[in-house]
Amino acid sequence: MSRRVLYGAALLPQLLLLGCLIASEEWSLRHGVRVLLEIGPWDQSAPGGYRSERGLAIAWLRRDLAGGKELDLERGDLIYVLLETEGEVHRAAGISGQRPDPTFWPFLRGRVGSVNEDELEVEYGFSDHYVGKTRGLGDSASSTRLAVRIGRNGAGHVEDLLVDGQPYDEWRRQQEEQRK
């Protein structure tokens, strides 16, 4: 066999996997349910203007959200966070170590980051967001939400960052115009 055929045979499975990952995310972004997740105050001292999912209100969850069930969770375990609507945002209503029944949808799939007696940290796999050193974003007057699309399997994909109900880019443009 020639080297081209061998390289092609080695490359094809990787390209197929990449295509499946991209198709899955695109399908979720188009057909998944849209939820708004509350974000706490932004830490303006964060290096380089990047913010992570640690600021999400549902990043740290009380263990009693398991509904009386004893969850033996360790770092890296899959966890499912059942969501309920409270106003315009979604909050954690429960947690489970098993994939919930589809009637409990929407639920968000994550991984346990750390565990202590009362709380556990959940990592959802959202990428960090560059928001720069923007004045006003950390003020209590600004409501900051993360718009997420959730697929039927619980995988969440970030759609946009919303500040005072506007997409971040639009909000930032208005802030810059006001400073001029």
C-alpha atoms as a PDB file:
ATOM      1  CA  MET A   1       0.000   0.000   0.000  1.00  0.00           C
ATOM      2  CA  SER A   2       1.136   3.478  -0.713  1.00  0.00           C
ATOM      3  CA  ARG A   3       1.715   6.045   1.994  1.00  0.00           C
ATOM      4  CA  ARG A   4      -1.156   8.194   0.736  1.00  0.00           C
ATOM      5  CA  VAL A   5      -3.624   5.374   1.284  1.00  0.00           C
ATOM      6  CA  LEU A   6      -2.255   4.717   4.779  1.00  0.00           C
ATOM      7  CA  TYR A   7      -2.404   8.412   5.716  1.00  0.00           C
ATOM      8  CA  GLY A   8      -5.925   8.634   4.334  1.00  0.00           C
ATOM      9  CA  ALA A   9      -6.982   5.531   6.290  1.00  0.00           C
ATOM     10  CA  ALA A  10      -5.527   7.025   9.484  1.00  0.00           C
ATOM     11  CA  LEU A  11      -7.076  10.450   8.889  1.00  0.00           C
ATOM     12  CA  LEU A  12     -10.592   9.356   7.897  1.00  0.00           C
ATOM     13  CA  PRO A  13     -11.795   8.194  11.369  1.00  0.00           C
ATOM     14  CA  GLN A  14     -10.543  11.418  12.939  1.00  0.00           C
ATOM     15  CA  LEU A  15     -12.378  13.522  10.373  1.00  0.00           C
ATOM     16  CA  LEU A  16     -15.564  11.498  10.874  1.00  0.00           C
ATOM     17  CA  LEU A  17     -15.373  11.975  14.655  1.00  0.00           C
ATOM     18  CA  LEU A  18     -14.804  15.717  14.254  1.00  0.00           C
ATOM     19  CA  GLY A  19     -17.745  15.919  11.851  1.00  0.00           C
ATOM     20  CA  CYS A  20     -19.999  14.088  14.330  1.00  0.00           C
ATOM     21  CA  LEU A  21     -18.997  16.449  17.159  1.00  0.00           C
ATOM     22  CA  ILE A  22     -19.669  19.516  15.036  1.00  0.00           C
ATOM     23  CA  ALA A  23     -22.995  18.133  13.788  1.00  0.00           C
ATOM     24  CA  SER A  24     -24.086  17.324  17.348  1.00  0.00           C
ATOM     25  CA  GLU A  25     -23.349  20.845  18.566  1.00  0.00           C
ATOM     26  CA  GLU A  26     -25.026  22.440  15.553  1.00  0.00           C
ATOM     27  CA  TRP A  27     -28.133  20.284  16.020  1.00  0.00           C
ATOM     28  CA  SER A  28     -28.346  21.294  19.694  1.00  0.00           C
ATOM     29  CA  LEU A  29     -27.901  24.970  18.855  1.00  0.00           C
ATOM     30  CA  ARG A  30     -30.727  24.812  16.316  1.00  0.00           C
ATOM     31  CA  HIS A  31     -33.159  22.420  18.004  1.00  0.00           C
ATOM     32  CA  GLY A  32     -32.267  22.366  21.705  1.00  0.00           C
ATOM     33  CA  VAL A  33     -34.263  24.127  24.377  1.00  0.00           C
ATOM     34  CA  ARG A  34     -32.968  27.600  25.237  1.00  0.00           C
ATOM     35  CA  VAL A  35     -32.383  28.376  28.897  1.00  0.00           C
ATOM     36  CA  LEU A  36     -30.935  31.395  30.651  1.00  0.00           C
ATOM     37  CA  LEU A  37     -28.479  30.703  33.438  1.00  0.00           C
ATOM     38  CA  GLU A  38     -27.692  33.394  35.975  1.00  0.00           C
ATOM     39  CA  ILE A  39     -24.123  34.547  36.371  1.00  0.00           C
ATOM     40  CA  GLY A  40     -22.814  36.068  39.572  1.00  0.00           C
ATOM     41  CA  PRO A  41     -20.811  39.299  39.695  1.00  0.00           C
ATOM     42  CA  TRP A  42     -17.875  39.301  37.295  1.00  0.00           C
ATOM     43  CA  ASP A  43     -14.410  39.423  38.775  1.00  0.00           C
ATOM     44  CA  GLN A  44     -12.836  42.336  36.921  1.00  0.00           C
ATOM     45  CA  SER A  45      -9.371  41.331  38.130  1.00  0.00           C
ATOM     46  CA  ALA A  46      -9.435  38.058  36.158  1.00  0.00           C
ATOM     47  CA  PRO A  47      -6.400  37.803  33.888  1.00  0.00           C
ATOM     48  CA  GLY A  48      -6.832  38.780  30.253  1.00  0.00           C
ATOM     49  CA  GLY A  49     -10.556  39.468  30.499  1.00  0.00           C
ATOM     50  CA  TYR A  50     -11.585  35.805  30.344  1.00  0.00           C
ATOM     51  CA  ARG A  51     -14.461  34.581  32.493  1.00  0.00           C
ATOM     52  CA  SER A  52     -15.269  30.953  33.136  1.00  0.00           C
ATOM     53  CA  GLU A  53     -18.338  28.928  34.032  1.00  0.00           C
ATOM     54  CA  ARG A  54     -17.328  29.080  37.718  1.00  0.00           C
ATOM     55  CA  GLY A  55     -19.382  32.282  37.881  1.00  0.00           C
ATOM     56  CA  LEU A  56     -22.610  30.435  37.044  1.00  0.00           C
ATOM     57  CA  ALA A  57     -25.179  30.315  39.815  1.00  0.00           C
ATOM     58  CA  ILE A  58     -25.454  26.559  39.214  1.00  0.00           C
ATOM     59  CA  ALA A  59     -21.697  25.903  39.347  1.00  0.00           C
ATOM     60  CA  TRP A  60     -21.861  25.139  43.094  1.00  0.00           C
ATOM     61  CA  LEU A  61     -24.825  23.021  44.176  1.00  0.00           C
ATOM     62  CA  ARG A  62     -26.040  21.865  47.576  1.00  0.00           C
ATOM     63  CA  ARG A  63     -25.908  18.106  47.994  1.00  0.00           C
ATOM     64  CA  ASP A  64     -29.442  18.123  49.446  1.00  0.00           C
ATOM     65  CA  LEU A  65     -30.758  18.787  45.918  1.00  0.00           C
ATOM     66  CA  ALA A  66     -30.497  15.004  45.468  1.00  0.00           C
ATOM     67  CA  GLY A  67     -33.930  14.771  47.128  1.00  0.00           C
ATOM     68  CA  GLY A  68     -32.853  12.649  50.074  1.00  0.00           C
ATOM     69  CA  LYS A  69     -30.981  10.135  47.928  1.00  0.00           C
ATOM     70  CA  GLU A  70     -27.415   9.434  48.946  1.00  0.00           C
ATOM     71  CA  LEU A  71     -25.155  10.255  46.017  1.00  0.00           C
ATOM     72  CA  ASP A  72     -21.684   8.773  46.232  1.00  0.00           C
ATOM     73  CA  LEU A  73     -19.977  11.212  43.876  1.00  0.00           C
ATOM     74  CA  GLU A  74     -16.318  11.668  43.119  1.00  0.00           C
ATOM     75  CA  ARG A  75     -14.410  14.116  40.967  1.00  0.00           C
ATOM     76  CA  GLY A  76     -15.040  13.381  37.275  1.00  0.00           C
ATOM     77  CA  ASP A  77     -18.384  11.564  37.742  1.00  0.00           C
ATOM     78  CA  LEU A  78     -21.261  12.454  35.421  1.00  0.00           C
ATOM     79  CA  ILE A  79     -24.078  14.367  37.074  1.00  0.00           C
ATOM     80  CA  TYR A  80     -27.398  15.622  35.782  1.00  0.00           C
ATOM     81  CA  VAL A  81     -28.822  18.907  37.030  1.00  0.00           C
ATOM     82  CA  LEU A  82     -32.603  19.195  36.751  1.00  0.00           C
ATOM     83  CA  LEU A  83     -33.650  22.739  35.902  1.00  0.00           C
ATOM     84  CA  GLU A  84     -36.744  24.743  36.757  1.00  0.00           C
ATOM     85  CA  THR A  85     -37.822  28.172  35.620  1.00  0.00           C
ATOM     86  CA  GLU A  86     -37.772  30.994  38.138  1.00  0.00           C
ATOM     87  CA  GLY A  87     -38.716  34.201  36.429  1.00  0.00           C
ATOM     88  CA  GLU A  88     -36.687  34.433  33.249  1.00  0.00           C
ATOM     89  CA  VAL A  89     -33.788  32.283  34.462  1.00  0.00           C
ATOM     90  CA  HIS A  90     -33.405  28.575  35.115  1.00  0.00           C
ATOM     91  CA  ARG A  91     -32.181  27.342  38.478  1.00  0.00           C
ATOM     92  CA  ALA A  92     -31.153  23.947  39.775  1.00  0.00           C
ATOM     93  CA  ALA A  93     -34.148  22.022  41.089  1.00  0.00           C
ATOM     94  CA  GLY A  94     -32.421  18.709  41.678  1.00  0.00           C
ATOM     95  CA  ILE A  95     -29.397  16.578  40.943  1.00  0.00           C
ATOM     96  CA  SER A  96     -29.043  12.968  39.931  1.00  0.00           C
ATOM     97  CA  GLY A  97     -26.240  10.560  39.228  1.00  0.00           C
ATOM     98  CA  GLN A  98     -28.424   8.808  36.625  1.00  0.00           C
ATOM     99  CA  ARG A  99     -29.818  10.257  33.421  1.00  0.00           C
ATOM    100  CA  PRO A 100     -33.306  11.553  34.277  1.00  0.00           C
ATOM    101  CA  ASP A 101     -36.510  10.477  32.618  1.00  0.00           C
ATOM    102  CA  PRO A 102     -37.208  12.689  29.562  1.00  0.00           C
ATOM    103  CA  THR A 103     -40.250  14.123  31.353  1.00  0.00           C
ATOM    104  CA  PHE A 104     -37.824  16.016  33.620  1.00  0.00           C
ATOM    105  CA  TRP A 105     -36.300  17.845  30.668  1.00  0.00           C
ATOM    106  CA  PRO A 106     -34.598  20.281  30.575  1.00  0.00           C
ATOM    107  CA  PHE A 107     -31.677  18.927  32.498  1.00  0.00           C
ATOM    108  CA  LEU A 108     -28.038  19.816  32.082  1.00  0.00           C
ATOM    109  CA  ARG A 109     -25.287  17.227  32.030  1.00  0.00           C
ATOM    110  CA  GLY A 110     -22.022  18.023  33.765  1.00  0.00           C
ATOM    111  CA  ARG A 111     -19.088  16.500  35.591  1.00  0.00           C
ATOM    112  CA  VAL A 112     -18.321  16.750  39.269  1.00  0.00           C
ATOM    113  CA  GLY A 113     -15.364  19.067  39.761  1.00  0.00           C
ATOM    114  CA  SER A 114     -14.998  18.847  43.513  1.00  0.00           C
ATOM    115  CA  VAL A 115     -17.026  17.535  46.432  1.00  0.00           C
ATOM    116  CA  ASN A 116     -17.291  18.540  50.074  1.00  0.00           C
ATOM    117  CA  GLU A 117     -19.788  17.714  52.815  1.00  0.00           C
ATOM    118  CA  ASP A 118     -22.478  20.207  51.807  1.00  0.00           C
ATOM    119  CA  GLU A 119     -21.730  21.208  48.216  1.00  0.00           C
ATOM    120  CA  LEU A 120     -20.334  20.005  44.973  1.00  0.00           C
ATOM    121  CA  GLU A 121     -18.873  21.895  42.069  1.00  0.00           C
ATOM    122  CA  VAL A 122     -20.251  21.005  38.655  1.00  0.00           C
ATOM    123  CA  GLU A 123     -18.372  21.663  35.436  1.00  0.00           C
ATOM    124  CA  TYR A 124     -20.572  21.817  32.331  1.00  0.00           C
ATOM    125  CA  GLY A 125     -17.869  22.004  29.699  1.00  0.00           C
ATOM    126  CA  PHE A 126     -18.746  25.506  28.550  1.00  0.00           C
ATOM    127  CA  SER A 127     -15.788  27.351  27.144  1.00  0.00           C
ATOM    128  CA  ASP A 128     -14.485  30.467  28.823  1.00  0.00           C
ATOM    129  CA  HIS A 129     -15.739  33.759  27.452  1.00  0.00           C
ATOM    130  CA  TYR A 130     -13.666  36.772  26.569  1.00  0.00           C
ATOM    131  CA  VAL A 131     -15.416  39.872  27.832  1.00  0.00           C
ATOM    132  CA  GLY A 132     -12.465  42.205  28.184  1.00  0.00           C
ATOM    133  CA  LYS A 133     -12.084  44.783  30.922  1.00  0.00           C
ATOM    134  CA  THR A 134     -15.535  46.291  30.514  1.00  0.00           C
ATOM    135  CA  ARG A 135     -16.680  48.855  33.017  1.00  0.00           C
ATOM    136  CA  GLY A 136     -20.199  48.290  34.282  1.00  0.00           C
ATOM    137  CA  LEU A 137     -20.278  44.537  33.737  1.00  0.00           C
ATOM    138  CA  GLY A 138     -19.515  43.881  37.397  1.00  0.00           C
ATOM    139  CA  ASP A 139     -21.953  46.481  38.703  1.00  0.00           C
ATOM    140  CA  SER A 140     -25.019  45.282  40.541  1.00  0.00           C
ATOM    141  CA  ALA A 141     -27.179  47.229  38.061  1.00  0.00           C
ATOM    142  CA  SER A 142     -26.228  44.835  35.269  1.00  0.00           C
ATOM    143  CA  SER A 143     -28.006  41.514  35.004  1.00  0.00           C
ATOM    144  CA  THR A 144     -25.747  38.987  33.337  1.00  0.00           C
ATOM    145  CA  ARG A 145     -27.091  35.733  31.927  1.00  0.00           C
ATOM    146  CA  LEU A 146     -25.664  32.945  29.836  1.00  0.00           C
ATOM    147  CA  ALA A 147     -27.991  31.767  27.054  1.00  0.00           C
ATOM    148  CA  VAL A 148     -27.505  28.024  26.621  1.00  0.00           C
ATOM    149  CA  ARG A 149     -29.120  25.530  24.250  1.00  0.00           C
ATOM    150  CA  ILE A 150     -29.590  22.077  25.751  1.00  0.00           C
ATOM    151  CA  GLY A 151     -29.904  18.952  23.650  1.00  0.00           C
ATOM    152  CA  ARG A 152     -32.073  15.958  24.625  1.00  0.00           C
ATOM    153  CA  ASN A 153     -29.018  14.243  26.111  1.00  0.00           C
ATOM    154  CA  GLY A 154     -28.395  17.141  28.514  1.00  0.00           C
ATOM    155  CA  ALA A 155     -25.366  18.531  26.698  1.00  0.00           C
ATOM    156  CA  GLY A 156     -25.337  22.319  26.869  1.00  0.00           C
ATOM    157  CA  HIS A 157     -23.916  24.614  24.222  1.00  0.00           C
ATOM    158  CA  VAL A 158     -23.406  28.337  24.804  1.00  0.00           C
ATOM    159  CA  GLU A 159     -25.495  30.482  22.504  1.00  0.00           C
ATOM    160  CA  ASP A 160     -24.619  33.939  23.833  1.00  0.00           C
ATOM    161  CA  LEU A 161     -23.791  36.048  26.856  1.00  0.00           C
ATOM    162  CA  LEU A 162     -26.586  38.502  27.669  1.00  0.00           C
ATOM    163  CA  VAL A 163     -26.065  41.717  29.623  1.00  0.00           C
ATOM    164  CA  ASP A 164     -29.196  43.615  30.622  1.00  0.00           C
ATOM    165  CA  GLY A 165     -31.130  41.440  28.164  1.00  0.00           C
ATOM    166  CA  GLN A 166     -28.921  42.274  25.179  1.00  0.00           C
ATOM    167  CA  PRO A 167     -26.283  40.151  23.444  1.00  0.00           C
ATOM    168  CA  TYR A 168     -22.879  41.024  24.863  1.00  0.00           C
ATOM    169  CA  ASP A 169     -21.460  42.467  21.611  1.00  0.00           C
ATOM    170  CA  GLU A 170     -24.446  44.784  21.229  1.00  0.00           C
ATOM    171  CA  TRP A 171     -24.310  45.860  24.890  1.00  0.00           C
ATOM    172  CA  ARG A 172     -20.580  46.551  24.685  1.00  0.00           C
ATOM    173  CA  ARG A 173     -21.025  48.619  21.507  1.00  0.00           C
ATOM    174  CA  GLN A 174     -23.628  50.758  23.298  1.00  0.00           C
ATOM    175  CA  GLN A 175     -21.312  51.204  26.279  1.00  0.00           C
ATOM    176  CA  GLU A 176     -18.499  52.395  24.010  1.00  0.00           C
ATOM    177  CA  GLU A 177     -20.838  54.834  22.227  1.00  0.00           C
ATOM    178  CA  GLN A 178     -21.942  56.314  25.569  1.00  0.00           C
ATOM    179  CA  ARG A 179     -18.310  56.922  26.582  1.00  0.00           C
ATOM    180  CA  LYS A 180     -17.608  58.943  23.399  1.00  0.00           C
END
